[in-house]
């Protein structure tokens, strides 16, 4: 692909990016592009250990039960609307927690309003987890 050609033409490090949502995506991207690094945006929020397999790939056996396997299992086990609701709530909670970690003085009115939803979002997630034990 393009990244392979760019990498061959340059003497500086090349970073690959795009559709990196799980450990398997990191490994495939690395194998296909031979890039010096790989970026992940939302994937790393869903799975902070997304790069673990790539780090272990140099001789260690890949662990079973990757984030992608878990997401696929949830997708198959839950009704589409429940799965979508769960993903949306977890994404919202991550955003709220990131805001909460920032200094309060730097919060805009919109951010303060989002922070005020923290209890409601946490309660909704807990109810969803109680109704669907696979989300535990």
N, C-alpha and C. Protein backbone atom coordinates (compact mmCIF):
# COMPACT_ATOMS: atom_id res chain seq x y z
N UNK A 1 0.80 -1.18 0.00
CA UNK A 1 0.00 0.00 0.00
C UNK A 1 0.85 1.26 0.00
N UNK A 2 0.17 2.34 0.20
CA UNK A 2 0.81 3.66 0.17
C UNK A 2 1.86 3.81 1.27
N UNK A 3 1.54 3.32 2.47
CA UNK A 3 2.48 3.48 3.58
C UNK A 3 3.78 2.75 3.29
N UNK A 4 3.70 1.58 2.67
CA UNK A 4 4.90 0.81 2.32
C UNK A 4 5.77 1.61 1.35
N UNK A 5 5.14 2.21 0.35
CA UNK A 5 5.90 3.01 -0.63
C UNK A 5 6.50 4.26 0.00
N UNK A 6 5.74 4.89 0.87
CA UNK A 6 6.25 6.09 1.56
C UNK A 6 7.42 5.71 2.45
N UNK A 7 7.28 4.63 3.18
CA UNK A 7 8.34 4.15 4.08
C UNK A 7 9.62 3.85 3.29
N UNK A 8 9.47 3.23 2.12
CA UNK A 8 10.63 2.90 1.30
C UNK A 8 11.31 4.15 0.75
N UNK A 9 10.54 5.20 0.52
CA UNK A 9 11.08 6.41 -0.09
C UNK A 9 11.71 7.37 0.92
N UNK A 10 11.40 7.22 2.20
CA UNK A 10 11.86 8.17 3.21
C UNK A 10 12.88 7.55 4.15
N UNK A 11 13.71 8.42 4.72
CA UNK A 11 14.67 7.95 5.71
C UNK A 11 14.28 8.38 7.12
N UNK A 12 13.13 9.01 7.24
CA UNK A 12 12.63 9.41 8.55
C UNK A 12 11.57 8.42 9.01
N UNK A 13 11.28 8.39 10.31
CA UNK A 13 10.25 7.46 10.80
C UNK A 13 8.89 7.75 10.16
N UNK A 14 8.16 6.70 9.85
CA UNK A 14 6.83 6.81 9.26
C UNK A 14 5.83 6.19 10.23
N UNK A 15 4.77 6.95 10.50
CA UNK A 15 3.72 6.50 11.42
C UNK A 15 2.48 6.17 10.60
N UNK A 16 1.92 5.01 10.82
CA UNK A 16 0.69 4.58 10.14
C UNK A 16 -0.50 4.86 11.05
N UNK A 17 -1.65 5.14 10.43
CA UNK A 17 -2.85 5.46 11.20
C UNK A 17 -4.08 5.04 10.41
N UNK A 18 -5.14 4.71 11.12
CA UNK A 18 -6.42 4.44 10.47
C UNK A 18 -6.98 3.07 10.79
N UNK A 19 -8.20 3.05 11.30
CA UNK A 19 -8.92 1.82 11.61
C UNK A 19 -8.16 0.88 12.55
N UNK A 20 -7.51 1.43 13.52
CA UNK A 20 -6.79 0.64 14.51
C UNK A 20 -7.65 0.63 15.77
N UNK A 21 -8.46 -0.44 15.93
CA UNK A 21 -9.42 -0.51 17.01
C UNK A 21 -9.14 -1.62 18.01
N UNK A 22 -8.22 -2.52 17.68
CA UNK A 22 -7.96 -3.64 18.59
C UNK A 22 -6.52 -4.13 18.35
N UNK A 23 -6.10 -5.06 19.20
CA UNK A 23 -4.74 -5.59 19.09
C UNK A 23 -4.46 -6.20 17.72
N UNK A 24 -5.43 -6.93 17.19
CA UNK A 24 -5.24 -7.56 15.89
C UNK A 24 -5.01 -6.53 14.79
N UNK A 25 -5.72 -5.39 14.88
CA UNK A 25 -5.52 -4.31 13.90
C UNK A 25 -4.10 -3.76 13.96
N UNK A 26 -3.56 -3.65 15.17
CA UNK A 26 -2.18 -3.17 15.34
C UNK A 26 -1.22 -4.13 14.66
N UNK A 27 -1.39 -5.42 14.93
CA UNK A 27 -0.50 -6.43 14.35
C UNK A 27 -0.60 -6.47 12.82
N UNK A 28 -1.83 -6.43 12.30
CA UNK A 28 -2.02 -6.43 10.84
C UNK A 28 -1.41 -5.20 10.21
N UNK A 29 -1.66 -4.03 10.82
CA UNK A 29 -1.12 -2.78 10.31
C UNK A 29 0.40 -2.82 10.28
N UNK A 30 0.99 -3.30 11.35
CA UNK A 30 2.44 -3.39 11.45
C UNK A 30 3.00 -4.33 10.38
N UNK A 31 2.35 -5.47 10.19
CA UNK A 31 2.81 -6.45 9.21
C UNK A 31 2.67 -5.94 7.78
N UNK A 32 1.57 -5.26 7.50
CA UNK A 32 1.31 -4.79 6.14
C UNK A 32 2.11 -3.56 5.75
N UNK A 33 2.38 -2.68 6.72
CA UNK A 33 3.01 -1.40 6.38
C UNK A 33 4.49 -1.31 6.71
N UNK A 34 4.94 -2.11 7.68
CA UNK A 34 6.32 -2.02 8.18
C UNK A 34 6.63 -0.62 8.70
N UNK A 35 5.58 0.09 9.16
CA UNK A 35 5.75 1.44 9.68
C UNK A 35 6.56 1.41 10.98
N UNK A 36 7.16 2.55 11.30
CA UNK A 36 7.94 2.66 12.52
C UNK A 36 7.05 2.80 13.76
N UNK A 37 5.83 3.22 13.53
CA UNK A 37 4.88 3.37 14.62
C UNK A 37 3.46 3.33 14.09
N UNK A 38 2.53 3.13 15.00
CA UNK A 38 1.12 3.05 14.62
C UNK A 38 0.33 3.90 15.60
N UNK A 39 -0.58 4.70 15.07
CA UNK A 39 -1.42 5.54 15.92
C UNK A 39 -2.80 4.92 16.06
N UNK A 40 -3.41 5.21 17.20
CA UNK A 40 -4.78 4.78 17.44
C UNK A 40 -5.48 5.88 18.22
N UNK A 41 -6.68 6.22 17.81
CA UNK A 41 -7.44 7.25 18.53
C UNK A 41 -8.44 6.59 19.45
N UNK A 42 -9.61 6.31 18.95
CA UNK A 42 -10.68 5.75 19.78
C UNK A 42 -10.36 4.34 20.27
N UNK A 43 -9.62 3.58 19.47
CA UNK A 43 -9.29 2.21 19.87
C UNK A 43 -8.56 2.14 21.19
N UNK A 44 -7.68 3.08 21.44
CA UNK A 44 -6.92 3.04 22.69
C UNK A 44 -7.78 3.46 23.87
N UNK A 45 -8.86 4.20 23.60
CA UNK A 45 -9.79 4.54 24.68
C UNK A 45 -10.59 3.32 25.10
N UNK A 46 -10.95 2.49 24.11
CA UNK A 46 -11.69 1.27 24.40
C UNK A 46 -10.81 0.20 25.03
N UNK A 47 -9.54 0.19 24.64
CA UNK A 47 -8.61 -0.84 25.13
C UNK A 47 -7.24 -0.22 25.33
N UNK A 48 -6.95 0.27 26.55
CA UNK A 48 -5.66 0.92 26.80
C UNK A 48 -4.45 0.02 26.54
N UNK A 49 -4.66 -1.29 26.48
CA UNK A 49 -3.57 -2.22 26.22
C UNK A 49 -3.53 -2.65 24.75
N UNK A 50 -4.05 -1.81 23.86
CA UNK A 50 -4.17 -2.15 22.45
C UNK A 50 -2.82 -2.51 21.81
N UNK A 51 -1.74 -1.95 22.31
CA UNK A 51 -0.43 -2.21 21.73
C UNK A 51 0.31 -3.36 22.41
N UNK A 52 -0.32 -3.98 23.39
CA UNK A 52 0.31 -5.09 24.13
C UNK A 52 0.73 -6.22 23.21
N UNK A 53 -0.14 -6.64 22.31
CA UNK A 53 0.17 -7.76 21.42
C UNK A 53 1.36 -7.46 20.54
N UNK A 54 1.44 -6.24 20.04
CA UNK A 54 2.57 -5.87 19.19
C UNK A 54 3.87 -5.93 19.99
N UNK A 55 3.80 -5.50 21.25
CA UNK A 55 4.99 -5.53 22.10
C UNK A 55 5.40 -6.97 22.41
N UNK A 56 4.40 -7.85 22.54
CA UNK A 56 4.69 -9.25 22.85
C UNK A 56 5.02 -10.08 21.61
N UNK A 57 4.71 -9.56 20.44
CA UNK A 57 4.83 -10.33 19.20
C UNK A 57 6.27 -10.73 18.88
N UNK A 58 7.22 -10.09 19.48
CA UNK A 58 8.61 -10.42 19.20
C UNK A 58 9.06 -11.67 19.95
N UNK A 59 8.22 -12.70 19.94
CA UNK A 59 8.62 -13.96 20.54
C UNK A 59 7.65 -14.50 21.55
N UNK A 60 6.82 -13.67 22.11
CA UNK A 60 5.85 -14.14 23.09
C UNK A 60 4.57 -14.58 22.40
N UNK A 61 3.86 -15.45 23.06
CA UNK A 61 2.60 -15.93 22.53
C UNK A 61 1.51 -14.90 22.78
N UNK A 62 0.67 -14.66 21.79
CA UNK A 62 -0.42 -13.70 21.90
C UNK A 62 -1.50 -14.23 22.85
N UNK A 63 -1.95 -13.36 23.75
CA UNK A 63 -2.98 -13.76 24.70
C UNK A 63 -4.33 -13.91 24.00
N UNK A 64 -5.13 -14.83 24.50
CA UNK A 64 -6.47 -15.01 23.98
C UNK A 64 -7.40 -14.02 24.66
N UNK A 65 -8.56 -13.82 24.07
CA UNK A 65 -9.54 -12.94 24.69
C UNK A 65 -9.25 -11.48 24.45
N UNK A 66 -8.89 -11.12 23.24
CA UNK A 66 -8.58 -9.73 22.93
C UNK A 66 -9.81 -8.85 23.04
N UNK A 67 -9.60 -7.55 23.02
CA UNK A 67 -10.69 -6.59 23.09
C UNK A 67 -11.66 -6.79 21.92
N UNK A 68 -11.12 -7.07 20.74
CA UNK A 68 -12.00 -7.29 19.58
C UNK A 68 -12.89 -8.50 19.81
N UNK A 69 -12.34 -9.57 20.36
CA UNK A 69 -13.14 -10.76 20.67
C UNK A 69 -14.26 -10.41 21.65
N UNK A 70 -13.91 -9.61 22.65
CA UNK A 70 -14.91 -9.21 23.65
C UNK A 70 -16.00 -8.37 23.01
N UNK A 71 -15.60 -7.42 22.16
CA UNK A 71 -16.59 -6.56 21.50
C UNK A 71 -17.48 -7.39 20.58
N UNK A 72 -16.89 -8.33 19.84
CA UNK A 72 -17.69 -9.18 18.95
C UNK A 72 -18.65 -10.04 19.75
N UNK A 73 -18.19 -10.54 20.88
CA UNK A 73 -19.04 -11.35 21.74
C UNK A 73 -20.23 -10.54 22.26
N UNK A 74 -19.95 -9.30 22.68
CA UNK A 74 -21.02 -8.43 23.15
C UNK A 74 -22.00 -8.14 22.02
N UNK A 75 -21.46 -7.85 20.85
CA UNK A 75 -22.30 -7.53 19.69
C UNK A 75 -23.24 -8.68 19.36
N UNK A 76 -22.72 -9.90 19.44
CA UNK A 76 -23.53 -11.09 19.13
C UNK A 76 -24.54 -11.40 20.22
N UNK A 77 -24.19 -11.09 21.46
CA UNK A 77 -25.02 -11.47 22.60
C UNK A 77 -26.11 -10.47 22.93
N UNK A 78 -25.91 -9.22 22.53
CA UNK A 78 -26.87 -8.18 22.89
C UNK A 78 -27.69 -7.75 21.67
N UNK A 79 -28.87 -7.26 21.94
CA UNK A 79 -29.68 -6.66 20.87
C UNK A 79 -28.92 -5.44 20.36
N UNK A 80 -28.99 -5.14 19.07
CA UNK A 80 -28.23 -4.01 18.51
C UNK A 80 -28.44 -2.69 19.25
N UNK A 81 -29.67 -2.40 19.66
CA UNK A 81 -29.92 -1.13 20.35
C UNK A 81 -29.26 -1.10 21.73
N UNK A 82 -29.21 -2.24 22.41
CA UNK A 82 -28.56 -2.32 23.73
C UNK A 82 -27.05 -2.16 23.57
N UNK A 83 -26.48 -2.83 22.58
CA UNK A 83 -25.04 -2.72 22.33
C UNK A 83 -24.67 -1.27 22.02
N UNK A 84 -25.47 -0.63 21.17
CA UNK A 84 -25.21 0.77 20.79
C UNK A 84 -25.33 1.69 22.02
N UNK A 85 -26.33 1.45 22.83
CA UNK A 85 -26.52 2.24 24.05
C UNK A 85 -25.32 2.07 24.99
N UNK A 86 -24.85 0.83 25.15
CA UNK A 86 -23.70 0.57 26.02
C UNK A 86 -22.45 1.29 25.51
N UNK A 87 -22.18 1.18 24.20
CA UNK A 87 -21.01 1.85 23.62
C UNK A 87 -21.09 3.37 23.81
N UNK A 88 -22.28 3.92 23.59
CA UNK A 88 -22.46 5.37 23.72
C UNK A 88 -22.25 5.81 25.17
N UNK A 89 -22.83 5.06 26.12
CA UNK A 89 -22.67 5.40 27.53
C UNK A 89 -21.21 5.30 27.98
N UNK A 90 -20.51 4.25 27.56
CA UNK A 90 -19.10 4.11 27.97
C UNK A 90 -18.25 5.22 27.36
N UNK A 91 -18.54 5.59 26.12
CA UNK A 91 -17.79 6.69 25.48
C UNK A 91 -18.06 8.01 26.21
N UNK A 92 -19.33 8.25 26.56
CA UNK A 92 -19.69 9.47 27.29
C UNK A 92 -19.01 9.50 28.65
N UNK A 93 -18.98 8.36 29.33
CA UNK A 93 -18.35 8.30 30.65
C UNK A 93 -16.84 8.57 30.55
N UNK A 94 -16.20 8.04 29.51
CA UNK A 94 -14.76 8.32 29.33
C UNK A 94 -14.53 9.82 29.16
N UNK A 95 -15.38 10.47 28.37
CA UNK A 95 -15.24 11.92 28.14
C UNK A 95 -15.45 12.69 29.44
N UNK A 96 -16.44 12.29 30.21
CA UNK A 96 -16.71 12.95 31.50
C UNK A 96 -15.54 12.76 32.46
N UNK A 97 -14.99 11.54 32.51
CA UNK A 97 -13.86 11.28 33.40
C UNK A 97 -12.63 12.08 32.98
N UNK A 98 -12.44 12.24 31.69
CA UNK A 98 -11.31 13.05 31.21
C UNK A 98 -11.50 14.51 31.62
N UNK A 99 -12.72 15.01 31.51
CA UNK A 99 -13.00 16.38 31.95
C UNK A 99 -12.80 16.54 33.44
N UNK A 100 -13.24 15.55 34.20
CA UNK A 100 -13.13 15.61 35.65
C UNK A 100 -11.67 15.68 36.10
N UNK A 101 -10.79 15.13 35.29
CA UNK A 101 -9.37 15.13 35.64
C UNK A 101 -8.72 16.50 35.40
N UNK A 102 -9.39 17.34 34.59
CA UNK A 102 -8.86 18.68 34.31
C UNK A 102 -9.19 19.62 35.47
N UNK A 103 -8.42 20.70 35.53
CA UNK A 103 -8.66 21.71 36.55
C UNK A 103 -10.02 22.37 36.33
N UNK A 104 -10.81 22.50 37.40
CA UNK A 104 -12.17 23.03 37.30
C UNK A 104 -12.22 24.43 36.70
N UNK A 105 -11.23 25.25 36.98
CA UNK A 105 -11.24 26.63 36.49
C UNK A 105 -11.21 26.70 34.96
N UNK A 106 -10.72 25.64 34.32
CA UNK A 106 -10.60 25.66 32.86
C UNK A 106 -11.83 25.10 32.15
N UNK A 107 -12.87 24.70 32.91
CA UNK A 107 -14.09 24.13 32.31
C UNK A 107 -14.98 25.21 31.72
N UNK A 108 -15.44 24.97 30.51
CA UNK A 108 -16.43 25.86 29.90
C UNK A 108 -17.80 25.52 30.48
N UNK A 109 -18.80 26.33 30.14
CA UNK A 109 -20.15 26.06 30.62
C UNK A 109 -20.65 24.72 30.10
N UNK A 110 -20.34 24.42 28.84
CA UNK A 110 -20.74 23.16 28.23
C UNK A 110 -20.08 21.97 28.95
N UNK A 111 -18.80 22.13 29.29
CA UNK A 111 -18.09 21.06 29.99
C UNK A 111 -18.65 20.87 31.41
N UNK A 112 -18.99 21.96 32.06
CA UNK A 112 -19.57 21.87 33.40
C UNK A 112 -20.91 21.15 33.34
N UNK A 113 -21.68 21.44 32.30
CA UNK A 113 -22.96 20.76 32.12
C UNK A 113 -22.75 19.25 31.87
N UNK A 114 -21.74 18.93 31.08
CA UNK A 114 -21.43 17.52 30.81
C UNK A 114 -21.02 16.81 32.10
N UNK A 115 -20.21 17.49 32.91
CA UNK A 115 -19.79 16.90 34.20
C UNK A 115 -20.97 16.65 35.12
N UNK A 116 -21.98 17.50 35.04
CA UNK A 116 -23.17 17.34 35.89
C UNK A 116 -23.94 16.06 35.54
N UNK A 117 -23.72 15.53 34.36
CA UNK A 117 -24.40 14.30 33.93
C UNK A 117 -23.70 13.03 34.43
N UNK A 118 -22.57 13.18 35.08
CA UNK A 118 -21.76 12.03 35.50
C UNK A 118 -22.56 10.99 36.29
N UNK A 119 -23.30 11.43 37.28
CA UNK A 119 -24.07 10.51 38.12
C UNK A 119 -25.13 9.78 37.30
N UNK A 120 -25.83 10.52 36.43
CA UNK A 120 -26.87 9.91 35.60
C UNK A 120 -26.28 8.88 34.63
N UNK A 121 -25.15 9.22 34.03
CA UNK A 121 -24.51 8.29 33.08
C UNK A 121 -24.03 7.04 33.83
N UNK A 122 -23.42 7.24 34.99
CA UNK A 122 -22.95 6.10 35.79
C UNK A 122 -24.13 5.22 36.21
N UNK A 123 -25.24 5.83 36.60
CA UNK A 123 -26.43 5.08 36.99
C UNK A 123 -26.99 4.29 35.80
N UNK A 124 -27.04 4.92 34.63
CA UNK A 124 -27.54 4.24 33.43
C UNK A 124 -26.65 3.05 33.06
N UNK A 125 -25.34 3.24 33.18
CA UNK A 125 -24.42 2.13 32.91
C UNK A 125 -24.63 0.99 33.89
N UNK A 126 -24.79 1.33 35.16
CA UNK A 126 -25.00 0.30 36.18
C UNK A 126 -26.29 -0.47 35.93
N UNK A 127 -27.35 0.21 35.59
CA UNK A 127 -28.63 -0.44 35.29
C UNK A 127 -28.47 -1.38 34.10
N UNK A 128 -27.79 -0.90 33.06
CA UNK A 128 -27.56 -1.72 31.87
C UNK A 128 -26.76 -2.97 32.22
N UNK A 129 -25.75 -2.80 33.07
CA UNK A 129 -24.93 -3.96 33.49
C UNK A 129 -25.73 -4.94 34.34
N UNK A 130 -26.64 -4.43 35.14
CA UNK A 130 -27.48 -5.32 35.95
C UNK A 130 -28.46 -6.09 35.06
N UNK A 131 -28.99 -5.43 34.05
CA UNK A 131 -29.93 -6.07 33.15
C UNK A 131 -29.26 -7.06 32.20
N UNK A 132 -27.98 -6.82 31.91
CA UNK A 132 -27.24 -7.64 30.95
C UNK A 132 -25.89 -8.03 31.58
N UNK A 133 -25.87 -9.11 32.35
CA UNK A 133 -24.66 -9.51 33.08
C UNK A 133 -23.41 -9.66 32.21
N UNK A 134 -23.56 -9.89 30.91
CA UNK A 134 -22.39 -10.02 30.04
C UNK A 134 -21.56 -8.73 30.02
N UNK A 135 -22.18 -7.61 30.41
CA UNK A 135 -21.49 -6.31 30.43
C UNK A 135 -20.67 -6.10 31.69
N UNK A 136 -20.73 -7.03 32.64
CA UNK A 136 -20.00 -6.89 33.89
C UNK A 136 -18.51 -6.92 33.68
